[in-house]
């Protein structure tokens, strides 16, 4: 087992790769964020949001949500830009109470939410 020289995450974590210098892919991704022109990105997103709002037909965007912090942030950000999102979830067999409450909070913010659930026998095959 190898560990990252910076954050000590092991290479046994799914999706983590450690390069020849001993630095993991998560640390490298974090480093790349410093090179992003965030004000430019904000302007680009603002232009996309304005274009979506001009269509004026129902929802401006569809956001897959889990009830976690990342998808909640995405919805709140879109609301901050005046978008009218539709939130969609593939309901897991064992949703946590916190996840359920977070999804309820999105609905309470005025977001429509589709909570899609499939036949358990089909889900087992996945």
C-alpha atoms as a PDB file:
ATOM      1  CA  UNK A   1       0.000   0.000   0.000  1.00  0.00           C
ATOM      2  CA  UNK A   2       1.237   3.478  -0.889  1.00  0.00           C
ATOM      3  CA  UNK A   3       0.379   6.753   0.861  1.00  0.00           C
ATOM      4  CA  UNK A   4       0.322  10.267  -0.564  1.00  0.00           C
ATOM      5  CA  UNK A   5       3.357  12.306   0.508  1.00  0.00           C
ATOM      6  CA  UNK A   6       1.127  15.305   1.230  1.00  0.00           C
ATOM      7  CA  UNK A   7      -2.181  14.134   2.682  1.00  0.00           C
ATOM      8  CA  UNK A   8      -1.360  10.496   3.585  1.00  0.00           C
ATOM      9  CA  UNK A   9      -4.431   9.109   1.814  1.00  0.00           C
ATOM     10  CA  UNK A  10      -3.815   5.457   0.846  1.00  0.00           C
ATOM     11  CA  UNK A  11      -3.946   4.234  -2.731  1.00  0.00           C
ATOM     12  CA  UNK A  12      -6.589   1.708  -1.625  1.00  0.00           C
ATOM     13  CA  UNK A  13      -9.234   4.453  -1.630  1.00  0.00           C
ATOM     14  CA  UNK A  14     -11.408   4.076  -4.763  1.00  0.00           C
ATOM     15  CA  UNK A  15     -10.421   6.437  -7.577  1.00  0.00           C
ATOM     16  CA  UNK A  16      -7.165   7.533  -5.969  1.00  0.00           C
ATOM     17  CA  UNK A  17      -3.943   7.240  -7.930  1.00  0.00           C
ATOM     18  CA  UNK A  18      -0.514   8.149  -6.635  1.00  0.00           C
ATOM     19  CA  UNK A  19       1.973   9.460  -9.194  1.00  0.00           C
ATOM     20  CA  UNK A  20       5.720   8.783  -9.437  1.00  0.00           C
ATOM     21  CA  UNK A  21       6.395  11.750  -7.128  1.00  0.00           C
ATOM     22  CA  UNK A  22       4.191  10.215  -4.449  1.00  0.00           C
ATOM     23  CA  UNK A  23       1.352  12.753  -4.787  1.00  0.00           C
ATOM     24  CA  UNK A  24      -2.255  11.564  -5.036  1.00  0.00           C
ATOM     25  CA  UNK A  25      -4.777  12.557  -7.684  1.00  0.00           C
ATOM     26  CA  UNK A  26      -6.896  14.417  -5.078  1.00  0.00           C
ATOM     27  CA  UNK A  27      -3.955  16.678  -4.133  1.00  0.00           C
ATOM     28  CA  UNK A  28      -3.193  17.302  -7.803  1.00  0.00           C
ATOM     29  CA  UNK A  29      -6.832  18.237  -8.452  1.00  0.00           C
ATOM     30  CA  UNK A  30      -6.703  20.606  -5.475  1.00  0.00           C
ATOM     31  CA  UNK A  31      -3.542  22.231  -6.875  1.00  0.00           C
ATOM     32  CA  UNK A  32      -5.238  22.747 -10.248  1.00  0.00           C
ATOM     33  CA  UNK A  33      -7.939  24.895  -8.618  1.00  0.00           C
ATOM     34  CA  UNK A  34      -5.364  27.608  -7.905  1.00  0.00           C
ATOM     35  CA  UNK A  35      -4.812  28.012 -11.653  1.00  0.00           C
ATOM     36  CA  UNK A  36      -8.496  28.574 -12.473  1.00  0.00           C
ATOM     37  CA  UNK A  37      -9.607  32.110 -13.261  1.00  0.00           C
ATOM     38  CA  UNK A  38     -12.619  32.085 -10.912  1.00  0.00           C
ATOM     39  CA  UNK A  39     -13.955  35.552 -11.837  1.00  0.00           C
ATOM     40  CA  UNK A  40     -13.934  34.501 -15.511  1.00  0.00           C
ATOM     41  CA  UNK A  41     -15.697  31.234 -14.644  1.00  0.00           C
ATOM     42  CA  UNK A  42     -18.331  33.194 -12.709  1.00  0.00           C
ATOM     43  CA  UNK A  43     -18.970  35.425 -15.736  1.00  0.00           C
ATOM     44  CA  UNK A  44     -19.215  32.396 -18.033  1.00  0.00           C
ATOM     45  CA  UNK A  45     -21.736  30.746 -15.720  1.00  0.00           C
ATOM     46  CA  UNK A  46     -23.688  33.992 -15.427  1.00  0.00           C
ATOM     47  CA  UNK A  47     -23.942  34.134 -19.249  1.00  0.00           C
ATOM     48  CA  UNK A  48     -25.152  30.521 -19.384  1.00  0.00           C
ATOM     49  CA  UNK A  49     -27.732  31.226 -16.680  1.00  0.00           C
ATOM     50  CA  UNK A  50     -28.997  34.317 -18.514  1.00  0.00           C
ATOM     51  CA  UNK A  51     -29.314  32.333 -21.743  1.00  0.00           C
ATOM     52  CA  UNK A  52     -31.282  29.593 -19.986  1.00  0.00           C
ATOM     53  CA  UNK A  53     -33.626  32.115 -18.351  1.00  0.00           C
ATOM     54  CA  UNK A  54     -34.375  33.785 -21.707  1.00  0.00           C
ATOM     55  CA  UNK A  55     -35.973  30.589 -22.979  1.00  0.00           C
ATOM     56  CA  UNK A  56     -38.750  31.143 -20.442  1.00  0.00           C
ATOM     57  CA  UNK A  57     -40.270  27.678 -20.701  1.00  0.00           C
ATOM     58  CA  UNK A  58     -40.586  25.847 -17.402  1.00  0.00           C
ATOM     59  CA  UNK A  59     -37.350  24.698 -15.833  1.00  0.00           C
ATOM     60  CA  UNK A  60     -34.042  26.307 -16.705  1.00  0.00           C
ATOM     61  CA  UNK A  61     -31.933  23.286 -15.752  1.00  0.00           C
ATOM     62  CA  UNK A  62     -32.078  19.765 -14.323  1.00  0.00           C
ATOM     63  CA  UNK A  63     -29.829  18.985 -11.370  1.00  0.00           C
ATOM     64  CA  UNK A  64     -29.240  15.452 -10.103  1.00  0.00           C
ATOM     65  CA  UNK A  65     -29.329  15.659  -6.314  1.00  0.00           C
ATOM     66  CA  UNK A  66     -28.428  13.171  -3.606  1.00  0.00           C
ATOM     67  CA  UNK A  67     -29.225  15.131  -0.473  1.00  0.00           C
ATOM     68  CA  UNK A  68     -25.525  15.701   0.122  1.00  0.00           C
ATOM     69  CA  UNK A  69     -23.613  18.945   0.389  1.00  0.00           C
ATOM     70  CA  UNK A  70     -22.341  19.089  -3.202  1.00  0.00           C
ATOM     71  CA  UNK A  71     -25.688  18.761  -4.969  1.00  0.00           C
ATOM     72  CA  UNK A  72     -27.333  21.041  -2.400  1.00  0.00           C
ATOM     73  CA  UNK A  73     -24.665  23.671  -3.142  1.00  0.00           C
ATOM     74  CA  UNK A  74     -25.338  23.336  -6.877  1.00  0.00           C
ATOM     75  CA  UNK A  75     -29.060  23.955  -6.398  1.00  0.00           C
ATOM     76  CA  UNK A  76     -28.529  26.911  -4.056  1.00  0.00           C
ATOM     77  CA  UNK A  77     -26.005  28.411  -6.497  1.00  0.00           C
ATOM     78  CA  UNK A  78     -28.462  28.100  -9.386  1.00  0.00           C
ATOM     79  CA  UNK A  79     -31.173  29.742  -7.294  1.00  0.00           C
ATOM     80  CA  UNK A  80     -28.743  32.573  -6.541  1.00  0.00           C
ATOM     81  CA  UNK A  81     -28.426  33.189 -10.287  1.00  0.00           C
ATOM     82  CA  UNK A  82     -32.206  33.307 -10.663  1.00  0.00           C
ATOM     83  CA  UNK A  83     -32.550  29.902 -12.321  1.00  0.00           C
ATOM     84  CA  UNK A  84     -35.603  27.671 -11.898  1.00  0.00           C
ATOM     85  CA  UNK A  85     -34.088  24.184 -11.486  1.00  0.00           C
ATOM     86  CA  UNK A  86     -35.727  20.785 -11.407  1.00  0.00           C
ATOM     87  CA  UNK A  87     -34.022  18.502  -8.884  1.00  0.00           C
ATOM     88  CA  UNK A  88     -34.021  14.761  -9.639  1.00  0.00           C
ATOM     89  CA  UNK A  89     -32.978  11.873  -7.392  1.00  0.00           C
ATOM     90  CA  UNK A  90     -32.688   8.145  -7.924  1.00  0.00           C
ATOM     91  CA  UNK A  91     -33.929   7.093  -4.499  1.00  0.00           C
ATOM     92  CA  UNK A  92     -31.446   4.706  -2.875  1.00  0.00           C
ATOM     93  CA  UNK A  93     -32.676   1.694  -0.884  1.00  0.00           C
ATOM     94  CA  UNK A  94     -31.287   3.141   2.361  1.00  0.00           C
ATOM     95  CA  UNK A  95     -31.592   6.925   2.456  1.00  0.00           C
ATOM     96  CA  UNK A  96     -30.218   8.552   5.592  1.00  0.00           C
ATOM     97  CA  UNK A  97     -32.342  10.845   7.742  1.00  0.00           C
ATOM     98  CA  UNK A  98     -29.955  13.711   7.019  1.00  0.00           C
ATOM     99  CA  UNK A  99     -30.207  13.119   3.262  1.00  0.00           C
ATOM    100  CA  UNK A 100     -34.004  13.057   3.489  1.00  0.00           C
ATOM    101  CA  UNK A 101     -34.040  16.307   5.472  1.00  0.00           C
ATOM    102  CA  UNK A 102     -31.681  17.973   2.996  1.00  0.00           C
ATOM    103  CA  UNK A 103     -33.957  17.017   0.092  1.00  0.00           C
ATOM    104  CA  UNK A 104     -36.948  18.380   2.010  1.00  0.00           C
ATOM    105  CA  UNK A 105     -35.001  21.620   2.535  1.00  0.00           C
ATOM    106  CA  UNK A 106     -34.569  21.978  -1.235  1.00  0.00           C
ATOM    107  CA  UNK A 107     -38.325  21.630  -1.727  1.00  0.00           C
ATOM    108  CA  UNK A 108     -38.864  24.187   1.043  1.00  0.00           C
ATOM    109  CA  UNK A 109     -36.626  26.579  -0.922  1.00  0.00           C
ATOM    110  CA  UNK A 110     -39.173  26.372  -3.745  1.00  0.00           C
ATOM    111  CA  UNK A 111     -37.415  23.747  -5.867  1.00  0.00           C
ATOM    112  CA  UNK A 112     -39.471  21.035  -7.556  1.00  0.00           C
ATOM    113  CA  UNK A 113     -38.024  17.596  -6.855  1.00  0.00           C
ATOM    114  CA  UNK A 114     -38.636  14.264  -8.551  1.00  0.00           C
ATOM    115  CA  UNK A 115     -37.697  11.346  -6.317  1.00  0.00           C
ATOM    116  CA  UNK A 116     -37.431   8.456  -8.761  1.00  0.00           C
ATOM    117  CA  UNK A 117     -37.599   4.904  -7.429  1.00  0.00           C
ATOM    118  CA  UNK A 118     -37.269   1.774  -9.520  1.00  0.00           C
ATOM    119  CA  UNK A 119     -38.443  -1.773  -9.021  1.00  0.00           C
ATOM    120  CA  UNK A 120     -36.244  -3.339  -6.295  1.00  0.00           C
ATOM    121  CA  UNK A 121     -35.711  -6.472  -8.403  1.00  0.00           C
ATOM    122  CA  UNK A 122     -34.340  -4.382 -11.269  1.00  0.00           C
ATOM    123  CA  UNK A 123     -32.184  -2.407  -8.836  1.00  0.00           C
ATOM    124  CA  UNK A 124     -30.631  -5.620  -7.494  1.00  0.00           C
ATOM    125  CA  UNK A 125     -29.387  -6.393 -10.999  1.00  0.00           C
ATOM    126  CA  UNK A 126     -27.477  -3.116 -11.088  1.00  0.00           C
END
